[in-house]
Amino acid sequence: ADSDPDLVWSNNRFSFDYIPDDVEFESSIPVEFGLESIYPSPFNSIASIRFGMDQSTDAKISIFDISGREVTVLHNGFMQAGHRKIVWNAESLPSGLYLVRLESAGRIKTAKVALIR
């Protein structure tokens, strides 16, 4: 067995990805900075947030409720350029509309998502 901690293993029935960081990396560099998709939307407890980083720099991904209160920070720190994905577990939050905010290098992108129980 390979002892590489970044090992990705799969077969026809299921797959296992070990990602040592809280943010998954996809190697191609995007054309632009921003939020690409939130899936599923609306969601029940867990959503996958895909976004693009056009440069390697500090970035913050945070979640706000509809009243503008920050309810969680998914990532705050250095991030490599490329297409990225992070998973948001919202099990402890009530149903409602939320804003996903991506901040980096003085730029801000937001997207709205509905949590439905």
PDB file of N, CA and C in Angstrom:
ATOM      1  N   ALA A   1       0.839  -1.196   0.000  1.00  0.00           N
ATOM      2  CA  ALA A   1       0.000   0.000   0.000  1.00  0.00           C
ATOM      3  C   ALA A   1       0.871   1.242   0.000  1.00  0.00           C
ATOM      4  N   ASP A   2       0.440   2.236  -0.705  1.00  0.00           N
ATOM      5  CA  ASP A   2       1.157   3.505  -0.788  1.00  0.00           C
ATOM      6  C   ASP A   2       0.932   4.290   0.494  1.00  0.00           C
ATOM      7  N   SER A   3       1.977   4.880   1.059  1.00  0.00           N
ATOM      8  CA  SER A   3       1.847   5.621   2.314  1.00  0.00           C
ATOM      9  C   SER A   3       1.704   7.124   2.098  1.00  0.00           C
ATOM     10  N   ASP A   4       1.494   7.553   0.859  1.00  0.00           N
ATOM     11  CA  ASP A   4       1.329   8.971   0.547  1.00  0.00           C
ATOM     12  C   ASP A   4       0.022   9.487   1.140  1.00  0.00           C
ATOM     13  N   PRO A   5       0.063  10.517   2.046  1.00  0.00           N
ATOM     14  CA  PRO A   5      -1.160  11.012   2.673  1.00  0.00           C
ATOM     15  C   PRO A   5      -2.093  11.725   1.715  1.00  0.00           C
ATOM     16  N   ASP A   6      -1.614  12.093   0.535  1.00  0.00           N
ATOM     17  CA  ASP A   6      -2.470  12.745  -0.458  1.00  0.00           C
ATOM     18  C   ASP A   6      -3.073  11.745  -1.440  1.00  0.00           C
ATOM     19  N   LEU A   7      -2.975  10.463  -1.109  1.00  0.00           N
ATOM     20  CA  LEU A   7      -3.454   9.403  -1.971  1.00  0.00           C
ATOM     21  C   LEU A   7      -4.938   9.551  -2.286  1.00  0.00           C
ATOM     22  N   VAL A   8      -5.269   9.391  -3.547  1.00  0.00           N
ATOM     23  CA  VAL A   8      -6.668   9.355  -3.985  1.00  0.00           C
ATOM     24  C   VAL A   8      -6.895   7.978  -4.567  1.00  0.00           C
ATOM     25  N   TRP A   9      -7.876   7.235  -4.031  1.00  0.00           N
ATOM     26  CA  TRP A   9      -8.133   5.874  -4.450  1.00  0.00           C
ATOM     27  C   TRP A   9      -9.570   5.758  -4.905  1.00  0.00           C
ATOM     28  N   SER A  10      -9.821   4.996  -5.961  1.00  0.00           N
ATOM     29  CA  SER A  10     -11.198   4.804  -6.397  1.00  0.00           C
ATOM     30  C   SER A  10     -11.329   3.513  -7.178  1.00  0.00           C
ATOM     31  N   ASN A  11     -12.564   3.030  -7.262  1.00  0.00           N
ATOM     32  CA  ASN A  11     -12.919   1.943  -8.168  1.00  0.00           C
ATOM     33  C   ASN A  11     -14.300   2.249  -8.711  1.00  0.00           C
ATOM     34  N   ASN A  12     -14.942   1.320  -9.368  1.00  0.00           N
ATOM     35  CA  ASN A  12     -16.228   1.592 -10.003  1.00  0.00           C
ATOM     36  C   ASN A  12     -17.371   1.798  -9.017  1.00  0.00           C
ATOM     37  N   ARG A  13     -17.249   1.328  -7.773  1.00  0.00           N
ATOM     38  CA  ARG A  13     -18.359   1.383  -6.834  1.00  0.00           C
ATOM     39  C   ARG A  13     -18.294   2.577  -5.884  1.00  0.00           C
ATOM     40  N   PHE A  14     -17.113   2.994  -5.484  1.00  0.00           N
ATOM     41  CA  PHE A  14     -16.980   4.118  -4.560  1.00  0.00           C
ATOM     42  C   PHE A  14     -15.581   4.678  -4.649  1.00  0.00           C
ATOM     43  N   SER A  15     -15.384   5.846  -4.036  1.00  0.00           N
ATOM     44  CA  SER A  15     -14.050   6.435  -4.046  1.00  0.00           C
ATOM     45  C   SER A  15     -13.740   7.034  -2.679  1.00  0.00           C
ATOM     46  N   PHE A  16     -12.464   7.172  -2.407  1.00  0.00           N
ATOM     47  CA  PHE A  16     -11.996   7.766  -1.161  1.00  0.00           C
ATOM     48  C   PHE A  16     -10.945   8.805  -1.512  1.00  0.00           C
ATOM     49  N   ASP A  17     -11.135  10.025  -1.037  1.00  0.00           N
ATOM     50  CA  ASP A  17     -10.159  11.092  -1.233  1.00  0.00           C
ATOM     51  C   ASP A  17      -9.687  11.552   0.140  1.00  0.00           C
ATOM     52  N   TYR A  18      -8.395  11.517   0.366  1.00  0.00           N
ATOM     53  CA  TYR A  18      -7.851  12.093   1.593  1.00  0.00           C
ATOM     54  C   TYR A  18      -7.285  13.455   1.243  1.00  0.00           C
ATOM     55  N   ILE A  19      -7.870  14.490   1.796  1.00  0.00           N
ATOM     56  CA  ILE A  19      -7.408  15.848   1.567  1.00  0.00           C
ATOM     57  C   ILE A  19      -6.880  16.368   2.899  1.00  0.00           C
ATOM     58  N   PRO A  20      -5.571  16.613   3.029  1.00  0.00           N
ATOM     59  CA  PRO A  20      -5.010  16.998   4.318  1.00  0.00           C
ATOM     60  C   PRO A  20      -5.434  18.382   4.790  1.00  0.00           C
ATOM     61  N   ASP A  21      -5.865  19.248   3.901  1.00  0.00           N
ATOM     62  CA  ASP A  21      -6.285  20.598   4.251  1.00  0.00           C
ATOM     63  C   ASP A  21      -7.811  20.623   4.251  1.00  0.00           C
ATOM     64  N   ASP A  22      -8.421  21.695   4.740  1.00  0.00           N
ATOM     65  CA  ASP A  22      -9.869  21.805   4.738  1.00  0.00           C
ATOM     66  C   ASP A  22     -10.408  22.257   3.391  1.00  0.00           C
ATOM     67  N   VAL A  23      -9.530  22.561   2.458  1.00  0.00           N
ATOM     68  CA  VAL A  23      -9.941  23.023   1.132  1.00  0.00           C
ATOM     69  C   VAL A  23      -9.360  22.090   0.083  1.00  0.00           C
ATOM     70  N   GLU A  24     -10.215  21.577  -0.793  1.00  0.00           N
ATOM     71  CA  GLU A  24      -9.777  20.697  -1.868  1.00  0.00           C
ATOM     72  C   GLU A  24      -9.231  21.526  -3.023  1.00  0.00           C
ATOM     73  N   PHE A  25      -8.199  21.020  -3.679  1.00  0.00           N
ATOM     74  CA  PHE A  25      -7.535  21.735  -4.772  1.00  0.00           C
ATOM     75  C   PHE A  25      -7.742  21.005  -6.081  1.00  0.00           C
ATOM     76  N   GLU A  26      -8.062  21.726  -7.124  1.00  0.00           N
ATOM     77  CA  GLU A  26      -8.089  21.203  -8.480  1.00  0.00           C
ATOM     78  C   GLU A  26      -7.060  21.980  -9.274  1.00  0.00           C
ATOM     79  N   SER A  27      -6.257  21.301 -10.059  1.00  0.00           N
ATOM     80  CA  SER A  27      -5.017  21.868 -10.582  1.00  0.00           C
ATOM     81  C   SER A  27      -5.139  22.984 -11.613  1.00  0.00           C
ATOM     82  N   SER A  28      -6.192  23.060 -12.378  1.00  0.00           N
ATOM     83  CA  SER A  28      -6.227  24.094 -13.410  1.00  0.00           C
ATOM     84  C   SER A  28      -6.504  25.470 -12.805  1.00  0.00           C
ATOM     85  N   ILE A  29      -5.856  26.489 -13.321  1.00  0.00           N
ATOM     86  CA  ILE A  29      -6.038  27.847 -12.808  1.00  0.00           C
ATOM     87  C   ILE A  29      -7.237  28.482 -13.492  1.00  0.00           C
ATOM     88  N   PRO A  30      -8.145  29.071 -12.725  1.00  0.00           N
ATOM     89  CA  PRO A  30      -9.356  29.633 -13.325  1.00  0.00           C
ATOM     90  C   PRO A  30      -9.086  30.925 -14.084  1.00  0.00           C
ATOM     91  N   VAL A  31     -10.030  31.279 -14.915  1.00  0.00           N
ATOM     92  CA  VAL A  31      -9.937  32.523 -15.663  1.00  0.00           C
ATOM     93  C   VAL A  31     -10.200  33.707 -14.741  1.00  0.00           C
ATOM     94  N   GLU A  32     -11.102  33.544 -13.772  1.00  0.00           N
ATOM     95  CA  GLU A  32     -11.440  34.665 -12.911  1.00  0.00           C
ATOM     96  C   GLU A  32     -11.656  34.248 -11.462  1.00  0.00           C
ATOM     97  N   PHE A  33     -11.545  35.218 -10.582  1.00  0.00           N
ATOM     98  CA  PHE A  33     -11.777  35.074  -9.152  1.00  0.00           C
ATOM     99  C   PHE A  33     -13.280  35.071  -8.902  1.00  0.00           C
ATOM    100  N   GLY A  34     -13.763  34.166  -8.055  1.00  0.00           N
ATOM    101  CA  GLY A  34     -15.169  34.231  -7.676  1.00  0.00           C
ATOM    102  C   GLY A  34     -15.758  32.899  -7.272  1.00  0.00           C
ATOM    103  N   LEU A  35     -17.001  32.971  -6.811  1.00  0.00           N
ATOM    104  CA  LEU A  35     -17.762  31.789  -6.445  1.00  0.00           C
ATOM    105  C   LEU A  35     -18.314  31.159  -7.715  1.00  0.00           C
ATOM    106  N   GLU A  36     -18.108  29.866  -7.889  1.00  0.00           N
ATOM    107  CA  GLU A  36     -18.530  29.182  -9.106  1.00  0.00           C
ATOM    108  C   GLU A  36     -19.865  28.466  -8.925  1.00  0.00           C
ATOM    109  N   SER A  37     -20.039  27.741  -7.814  1.00  0.00           N
ATOM    110  CA  SER A  37     -21.304  27.054  -7.565  1.00  0.00           C
ATOM    111  C   SER A  37     -21.417  26.656  -6.100  1.00  0.00           C
ATOM    112  N   ILE A  38     -22.649  26.514  -5.662  1.00  0.00           N
ATOM    113  CA  ILE A  38     -22.959  25.975  -4.339  1.00  0.00           C
ATOM    114  C   ILE A  38     -23.943  24.843  -4.603  1.00  0.00           C
ATOM    115  N   TYR A  39     -23.584  23.632  -4.183  1.00  0.00           N
ATOM    116  CA  TYR A  39     -24.388  22.465  -4.508  1.00  0.00           C
ATOM    117  C   TYR A  39     -24.613  21.609  -3.277  1.00  0.00           C
ATOM    118  N   PRO A  40     -25.759  21.076  -3.032  1.00  0.00           N
ATOM    119  CA  PRO A  40     -27.002  21.428  -3.716  1.00  0.00           C
ATOM    120  C   PRO A  40     -27.525  22.767  -3.211  1.00  0.00           C
ATOM    121  N   SER A  41     -28.425  23.338  -3.939  1.00  0.00           N
ATOM    122  CA  SER A  41     -29.037  24.596  -3.520  1.00  0.00           C
ATOM    123  C   SER A  41     -30.491  24.593  -3.962  1.00  0.00           C
ATOM    124  N   PRO A  42     -31.410  24.586  -3.011  1.00  0.00           N
ATOM    125  CA  PRO A  42     -31.201  24.642  -1.567  1.00  0.00           C
ATOM    126  C   PRO A  42     -30.590  23.349  -1.042  1.00  0.00           C
ATOM    127  N   PHE A  43     -30.084  23.401   0.207  1.00  0.00           N
ATOM    128  CA  PHE A  43     -29.459  22.230   0.811  1.00  0.00           C
ATOM    129  C   PHE A  43     -30.044  21.964   2.192  1.00  0.00           C
ATOM    130  N   ASN A  44     -29.798  20.747   2.708  1.00  0.00           N
ATOM    131  CA  ASN A  44     -30.357  20.331   3.987  1.00  0.00           C
ATOM    132  C   ASN A  44     -29.379  20.585   5.128  1.00  0.00           C
ATOM    133  N   SER A  45     -28.179  20.052   5.069  1.00  0.00           N
ATOM    134  CA  SER A  45     -27.194  20.252   6.135  1.00  0.00           C
ATOM    135  C   SER A  45     -25.781  20.497   5.615  1.00  0.00           C
ATOM    136  N   ILE A  46     -25.463  19.934   4.450  1.00  0.00           N
ATOM    137  CA  ILE A  46     -24.105  20.023   3.926  1.00  0.00           C
ATOM    138  C   ILE A  46     -24.143  20.536   2.491  1.00  0.00           C
ATOM    139  N   ALA A  47     -23.326  21.553   2.223  1.00  0.00           N
ATOM    140  CA  ALA A  47     -23.228  22.123   0.881  1.00  0.00           C
ATOM    141  C   ALA A  47     -21.773  22.140   0.439  1.00  0.00           C
ATOM    142  N   SER A  48     -21.559  21.930  -0.841  1.00  0.00           N
ATOM    143  CA  SER A  48     -20.242  21.995  -1.454  1.00  0.00           C
ATOM    144  C   SER A  48     -20.122  23.333  -2.175  1.00  0.00           C
ATOM    145  N   ILE A  49     -19.094  24.100  -1.817  1.00  0.00           N
ATOM    146  CA  ILE A  49     -18.893  25.434  -2.385  1.00  0.00           C
ATOM    147  C   ILE A  49     -17.664  25.382  -3.286  1.00  0.00           C
ATOM    148  N   ARG A  50     -17.872  25.639  -4.578  1.00  0.00           N
ATOM    149  CA  ARG A  50     -16.763  25.685  -5.541  1.00  0.00           C
ATOM    150  C   ARG A  50     -16.470  27.141  -5.868  1.00  0.00           C
ATOM    151  N   PHE A  51     -15.172  27.464  -5.934  1.00  0.00           N
ATOM    152  CA  PHE A  51     -14.775  28.842  -6.203  1.00  0.00           C
ATOM    153  C   PHE A  51     -13.441  28.863  -6.919  1.00  0.00           C
ATOM    154  N   GLY A  52     -13.109  29.999  -7.488  1.00  0.00           N
ATOM    155  CA  GLY A  52     -11.862  30.142  -8.218  1.00  0.00           C
ATOM    156  C   GLY A  52     -10.969  31.195  -7.589  1.00  0.00           C
ATOM    157  N   MET A  53      -9.691  30.878  -7.520  1.00  0.00           N
ATOM    158  CA  MET A  53      -8.667  31.811  -7.055  1.00  0.00           C
ATOM    159  C   MET A  53      -7.721  32.050  -8.223  1.00  0.00           C
ATOM    160  N   ASP A  54      -7.656  33.284  -8.716  1.00  0.00           N
ATOM    161  CA  ASP A  54      -6.807  33.584  -9.858  1.00  0.00           C
ATOM    162  C   ASP A  54      -5.376  33.910  -9.464  1.00  0.00           C
ATOM    163  N   GLN A  55      -5.112  33.984  -8.157  1.00  0.00           N
ATOM    164  CA  GLN A  55      -3.751  34.207  -7.671  1.00  0.00           C
ATOM    165  C   GLN A  55      -3.599  33.552  -6.302  1.00  0.00           C
ATOM    166  N   SER A  56      -2.385  33.165  -5.968  1.00  0.00           N
ATOM    167  CA  SER A  56      -2.091  32.596  -4.655  1.00  0.00           C
ATOM    168  C   SER A  56      -1.950  33.737  -3.663  1.00  0.00           C
ATOM    169  N   THR A  57      -2.840  33.767  -2.674  1.00  0.00           N
ATOM    170  CA  THR A  57      -2.866  34.863  -1.708  1.00  0.00           C
ATOM    171  C   THR A  57      -3.754  34.470  -0.529  1.00  0.00           C
ATOM    172  N   ASP A  58      -3.824  35.337   0.473  1.00  0.00           N
ATOM    173  CA  ASP A  58      -4.723  35.097   1.591  1.00  0.00           C
ATOM    174  C   ASP A  58      -6.165  35.203   1.119  1.00  0.00           C
ATOM    175  N   ALA A  59      -7.024  34.374   1.687  1.00  0.00           N
ATOM    176  CA  ALA A  59      -8.441  34.383   1.329  1.00  0.00           C
ATOM    177  C   ALA A  59      -9.263  34.035   2.560  1.00  0.00           C
ATOM    178  N   LYS A  60     -10.472  34.543   2.582  1.00  0.00           N
ATOM    179  CA  LYS A  60     -11.407  34.241   3.666  1.00  0.00           C
ATOM    180  C   LYS A  60     -12.744  33.846   3.046  1.00  0.00           C
ATOM    181  N   ILE A  61     -13.283  32.728   3.509  1.00  0.00           N
ATOM    182  CA  ILE A  61     -14.610  32.297   3.094  1.00  0.00           C
ATOM    183  C   ILE A  61     -15.456  32.251   4.352  1.00  0.00           C
ATOM    184  N   SER A  62     -16.487  33.081   4.393  1.00  0.00           N
ATOM    185  CA  SER A  62     -17.329  33.158   5.577  1.00  0.00           C
ATOM    186  C   SER A  62     -18.801  33.083   5.190  1.00  0.00           C
ATOM    187  N   ILE A  63     -19.612  32.752   6.188  1.00  0.00           N
ATOM    188  CA  ILE A  63     -21.047  32.604   6.004  1.00  0.00           C
ATOM    189  C   ILE A  63     -21.752  33.617   6.894  1.00  0.00           C
ATOM    190  N   PHE A  64     -22.728  34.319   6.292  1.00  0.00           N
ATOM    191  CA  PHE A  64     -23.510  35.317   7.017  1.00  0.00           C
ATOM    192  C   PHE A  64     -24.981  34.935   6.967  1.00  0.00           C
ATOM    193  N   ASP A  65     -25.708  35.215   8.060  1.00  0.00           N
ATOM    194  CA  ASP A  65     -27.151  35.032   8.008  1.00  0.00           C
ATOM    195  C   ASP A  65     -27.754  36.228   7.280  1.00  0.00           C
ATOM    196  N   ILE A  66     -29.057  36.194   7.057  1.00  0.00           N
ATOM    197  CA  ILE A  66     -29.702  37.219   6.237  1.00  0.00           C
ATOM    198  C   ILE A  66     -29.693  38.593   6.909  1.00  0.00           C
ATOM    199  N   SER A  67     -29.485  38.624   8.240  1.00  0.00           N
ATOM    200  CA  SER A  67     -29.405  39.915   8.937  1.00  0.00           C
ATOM    201  C   SER A  67     -28.002  40.522   8.880  1.00  0.00           C
ATOM    202  N   GLY A  68     -27.058  39.796   8.257  1.00  0.00           N
ATOM    203  CA  GLY A  68     -25.701  40.322   8.109  1.00  0.00           C
ATOM    204  C   GLY A  68     -24.735  39.893   9.198  1.00  0.00           C
ATOM    205  N   ARG A  69     -25.149  39.007  10.098  1.00  0.00           N
ATOM    206  CA  ARG A  69     -24.282  38.512  11.169  1.00  0.00           C
ATOM    207  C   ARG A  69     -23.435  37.353  10.652  1.00  0.00           C
ATOM    208  N   GLU A  70     -22.115  37.422  10.858  1.00  0.00           N
ATOM    209  CA  GLU A  70     -21.235  36.332  10.460  1.00  0.00           C
ATOM    210  C   GLU A  70     -21.480  35.140  11.379  1.00  0.00           C
ATOM    211  N   VAL A  71     -21.856  33.988  10.803  1.00  0.00           N
ATOM    212  CA  VAL A  71     -22.172  32.819  11.616  1.00  0.00           C
ATOM    213  C   VAL A  71     -21.052  31.784  11.635  1.00  0.00           C
ATOM    214  N   THR A  72     -20.202  31.787  10.613  1.00  0.00           N
ATOM    215  CA  THR A  72     -19.065  30.877  10.619  1.00  0.00           C
ATOM    216  C   THR A  72     -18.025  31.323   9.585  1.00  0.00           C
ATOM    217  N   VAL A  73     -16.789  30.932   9.843  1.00  0.00           N
ATOM    218  CA  VAL A  73     -15.694  31.157   8.896  1.00  0.00           C
ATOM    219  C   VAL A  73     -15.210  29.778   8.465  1.00  0.00           C
ATOM    220  N   LEU A  74     -15.287  29.496   7.170  1.00  0.00           N
ATOM    221  CA  LEU A  74     -14.879  28.192   6.648  1.00  0.00           C
ATOM    222  C   LEU A  74     -13.384  28.119   6.393  1.00  0.00           C
ATOM    223  N   HIS A  75     -12.783  29.238   6.018  1.00  0.00           N
ATOM    224  CA  HIS A  75     -11.340  29.283   5.765  1.00  0.00           C
ATOM    225  C   HIS A  75     -10.872  30.724   5.921  1.00  0.00           C
ATOM    226  N   ASN A  76      -9.707  30.896   6.550  1.00  0.00           N
ATOM    227  CA  ASN A  76      -9.109  32.219   6.672  1.00  0.00           C
ATOM    228  C   ASN A  76      -7.601  32.039   6.687  1.00  0.00           C
ATOM    229  N   GLY A  77      -6.974  32.258   5.546  1.00  0.00           N
ATOM    230  CA  GLY A  77      -5.535  32.082   5.457  1.00  0.00           C
ATOM    231  C   GLY A  77      -5.084  31.974   4.014  1.00  0.00           C
ATOM    232  N   PHE A  78      -3.840  31.565   3.832  1.00  0.00           N
ATOM    233  CA  PHE A  78      -3.247  31.480   2.500  1.00  0.00           C
ATOM    234  C   PHE A  78      -3.925  30.396   1.677  1.00  0.00           C
ATOM    235  N   MET A  79      -4.083  30.663   0.379  1.00  0.00           N
ATOM    236  CA  MET A  79      -4.680  29.701  -0.533  1.00  0.00           C
ATOM    237  C   MET A  79      -3.985  29.791  -1.889  1.00  0.00           C
ATOM    238  N   GLN A  80      -3.653  28.647  -2.446  1.00  0.00           N
ATOM    239  CA  GLN A  80      -3.040  28.582  -3.770  1.00  0.00           C
ATOM    240  C   GLN A  80      -4.057  28.930  -4.846  1.00  0.00           C
ATOM    241  N   ALA A  81      -3.584  29.439  -5.968  1.00  0.00           N
ATOM    242  CA  ALA A  81      -4.448  29.712  -7.115  1.00  0.00           C
ATOM    243  C   ALA A  81      -5.001  28.408  -7.667  1.00  0.00           C
ATOM    244  N   GLY A  82      -6.195  28.478  -8.236  1.00  0.00           N
ATOM    245  CA  GLY A  82      -6.806  27.317  -8.873  1.00  0.00           C
ATOM    246  C   GLY A  82      -8.285  27.213  -8.552  1.00  0.00           C
ATOM    247  N   HIS A  83      -8.910  26.190  -9.122  1.00  0.00           N
ATOM    248  CA  HIS A  83     -10.296  25.878  -8.778  1.00  0.00           C
ATOM    249  C   HIS A  83     -10.278  25.173  -7.436  1.00  0.00           C
ATOM    250  N   ARG A  84     -11.159  25.578  -6.538  1.00  0.00           N
ATOM    251  CA  ARG A  84     -11.158  25.043  -5.179  1.00  0.00           C
ATOM    252  C   ARG A  84     -12.556  24.594  -4.796  1.00  0.00           C
ATOM    253  N   LYS A  85     -12.631  23.743  -3.784  1.00  0.00           N
ATOM    254  CA  LYS A  85     -13.912  23.308  -3.238  1.00  0.00           C
ATOM    255  C   LYS A  85     -13.772  23.184  -1.729  1.00  0.00           C
ATOM    256  N   ILE A  86     -14.770  23.663  -1.006  1.00  0.00           N
ATOM    257  CA  ILE A  86     -14.810  23.519   0.440  1.00  0.00           C
ATOM    258  C   ILE A  86     -16.214  23.068   0.816  1.00  0.00           C
ATOM    259  N   VAL A  87     -16.318  22.253   1.849  1.00  0.00           N
ATOM    260  CA  VAL A  87     -17.612  21.735   2.288  1.00  0.00           C
ATOM    261  C   VAL A  87     -18.062  22.499   3.521  1.00  0.00           C
ATOM    262  N   TRP A  88     -19.308  22.942   3.496  1.00  0.00           N
ATOM    263  CA  TRP A  88     -19.911  23.657   4.622  1.00  0.00           C
ATOM    264  C   TRP A  88     -20.901  22.733   5.307  1.00  0.00           C
ATOM    265  N   ASN A  89     -20.660  22.446   6.587  1.00  0.00           N
ATOM    266  CA  ASN A  89     -21.564  21.654   7.402  1.00  0.00           C
ATOM    267  C   ASN A  89     -22.374  22.625   8.255  1.00  0.00           C
ATOM    268  N   ALA A  90     -23.664  22.753   7.949  1.00  0.00           N
ATOM    269  CA  ALA A  90     -24.535  23.722   8.611  1.00  0.00           C
ATOM    270  C   ALA A  90     -25.536  23.034   9.542  1.00  0.00           C
ATOM    271  N   GLU A  91     -25.183  21.877  10.086  1.00  0.00           N
ATOM    272  CA  GLU A  91     -26.107  21.122  10.936  1.00  0.00           C
ATOM    273  C   GLU A  91     -26.610  21.921  12.128  1.00  0.00           C
ATOM    274  N   SER A  92     -25.803  22.812  12.673  1.00  0.00           N
ATOM    275  CA  SER A  92     -26.189  23.541  13.885  1.00  0.00           C
ATOM    276  C   SER A  92     -26.965  24.822  13.604  1.00  0.00           C
ATOM    277  N   LEU A  93     -27.181  25.149  12.336  1.00  0.00           N
ATOM    278  CA  LEU A  93     -27.855  26.397  11.984  1.00  0.00           C
ATOM    279  C   LEU A  93     -29.321  26.163  11.626  1.00  0.00           C
ATOM    280  N   PRO A  94     -30.176  27.158  11.887  1.00  0.00           N
ATOM    281  CA  PRO A  94     -31.588  27.021  11.529  1.00  0.00           C
ATOM    282  C   PRO A  94     -31.817  27.230  10.030  1.00  0.00           C
ATOM    283  N   SER A  95     -32.968  26.794   9.550  1.00  0.00           N
ATOM    284  CA  SER A  95     -33.357  27.035   8.162  1.00  0.00           C
ATOM    285  C   SER A  95     -33.351  28.525   7.874  1.00  0.00           C
ATOM    286  N   GLY A  96     -33.056  28.882   6.634  1.00  0.00           N
ATOM    287  CA  GLY A  96     -33.090  30.286   6.239  1.00  0.00           C
ATOM    288  C   GLY A  96     -32.173  30.561   5.078  1.00  0.00           C
ATOM    289  N   LEU A  97     -32.108  31.829   4.694  1.00  0.00           N
ATOM    290  CA  LEU A  97     -31.205  32.270   3.637  1.00  0.00           C
ATOM    291  C   LEU A  97     -29.867  32.671   4.254  1.00  0.00           C
ATOM    292  N   TYR A  98     -28.791  32.305   3.583  1.00  0.00           N
ATOM    293  CA  TYR A  98     -27.444  32.630   4.034  1.00  0.00           C
ATOM    294  C   TYR A  98     -26.650  33.198   2.866  1.00  0.00           C
ATOM    295  N   LEU A  99     -25.644  33.978   3.191  1.00  0.00           N
ATOM    296  CA  LEU A  99     -24.742  34.539   2.187  1.00  0.00           C
ATOM    297  C   LEU A  99     -23.363  33.909   2.351  1.00  0.00           C
ATOM    298  N   VAL A 100     -22.820  33.413   1.258  1.00  0.00           N
ATOM    299  CA  VAL A 100     -21.447  32.901   1.231  1.00  0.00           C
ATOM    300  C   VAL A 100     -20.593  34.037   0.690  1.00  0.00           C
ATOM    301  N   ARG A 101     -19.534  34.382   1.424  1.00  0.00           N
ATOM    302  CA  ARG A 101     -18.693  35.520   1.048  1.00  0.00           C
ATOM    303  C   ARG A 101     -17.252  35.055   0.881  1.00  0.00           C
ATOM    304  N   LEU A 102     -16.697  35.345  -0.283  1.00  0.00           N
ATOM    305  CA  LEU A 102     -15.300  35.053  -0.603  1.00  0.00           C
ATOM    306  C   LEU A 102     -14.570  36.384  -0.696  1.00  0.00           C
ATOM    307  N   GLU A 103     -13.517  36.552   0.115  1.00  0.00           N
ATOM    308  CA  GLU A 103     -12.714  37.782   0.127  1.00  0.00           C
ATOM    309  C   GLU A 103     -11.264  37.430  -0.163  1.00  0.00           C
ATOM    310  N   SER A 104     -10.630  38.206  -1.037  1.00  0.00           N
ATOM    311  CA  SER A 104      -9.223  37.993  -1.329  1.00  0.00           C
ATOM    312  C   SER A 104      -8.664  39.195  -2.084  1.00  0.00           C
ATOM    313  N   ALA A 105      -7.511  39.670  -1.679  1.00  0.00           N
ATOM    314  CA  ALA A 105      -6.783  40.749  -2.367  1.00  0.00           C
ATOM    315  C   ALA A 105      -7.668  41.969  -2.634  1.00  0.00           C
ATOM    316  N   GLY A 106      -8.472  42.353  -1.644  1.00  0.00           N
ATOM    317  CA  GLY A 106      -9.323  43.521  -1.772  1.00  0.00           C
ATOM    318  C   GLY A 106     -10.587  43.307  -2.584  1.00  0.00           C
ATOM    319  N   ARG A 107     -10.835  42.082  -3.001  1.00  0.00           N
ATOM    320  CA  ARG A 107     -12.032  41.763  -3.794  1.00  0.00           C
ATOM    321  C   ARG A 107     -13.002  40.936  -2.956  1.00  0.00           C
ATOM    322  N   ILE A 108     -14.288  41.088  -3.223  1.00  0.00           N
ATOM    323  CA  ILE A 108     -15.326  40.363  -2.489  1.00  0.00           C
ATOM    324  C   ILE A 108     -16.354  39.848  -3.482  1.00  0.00           C
ATOM    325  N   LYS A 109     -16.717  38.588  -3.339  1.00  0.00           N
ATOM    326  CA  LYS A 109     -17.806  37.988  -4.105  1.00  0.00           C
ATOM    327  C   LYS A 109     -18.762  37.331  -3.108  1.00  0.00           C
ATOM    328  N   THR A 110     -20.049  37.471  -3.359  1.00  0.00           N
ATOM    329  CA  THR A 110     -21.048  36.852  -2.477  1.00  0.00           C
ATOM    330  C   THR A 110     -22.060  36.078  -3.313  1.00  0.00           C
ATOM    331  N   ALA A 111     -22.638  35.070  -2.676  1.00  0.00           N
ATOM    332  CA  ALA A 111     -23.709  34.292  -3.290  1.00  0.00           C
ATOM    333  C   ALA A 111     -24.695  33.904  -2.190  1.00  0.00           C
ATOM    334  N   LYS A 112     -25.931  33.773  -2.572  1.00  0.00           N
ATOM    335  CA  LYS A 112     -26.975  33.450  -1.622  1.00  0.00           C
ATOM    336  C   LYS A 112     -27.312  31.961  -1.756  1.00  0.00           C
ATOM    337  N   VAL A 113     -27.640  31.335  -0.613  1.00  0.00           N
ATOM    338  CA  VAL A 113     -28.023  29.933  -0.589  1.00  0.00           C
ATOM    339  C   VAL A 113     -29.082  29.716   0.485  1.00  0.00           C
ATOM    340  N   ALA A 114     -29.982  28.774   0.247  1.00  0.00           N
ATOM    341  CA  ALA A 114     -31.055  28.485   1.197  1.00  0.00           C
ATOM    342  C   ALA A 114     -30.777  27.172   1.915  1.00  0.00           C
ATOM    343  N   LEU A 115     -30.869  27.212   3.244  1.00  0.00           N
ATOM    344  CA  LEU A 115     -30.777  26.015   4.087  1.00  0.00           C
ATOM    345  C   LEU A 115     -32.199  25.656   4.467  1.00  0.00           C
ATOM    346  N   ILE A 116     -32.643  24.465   4.085  1.00  0.00           N
ATOM    347  CA  ILE A 116     -34.007  24.023   4.349  1.00  0.00           C
ATOM    348  C   ILE A 116     -33.960  22.712   5.104  1.00  0.00           C
ATOM    349  N   ARG A 117     -34.632  22.671   6.222  1.00  0.00           N
ATOM    350  CA  ARG A 117     -34.698  21.454   7.052  1.00  0.00           C
ATOM    351  C   ARG A 117     -35.948  20.672   6.763  1.00  0.00           C
TER     352      ARG A 117
END
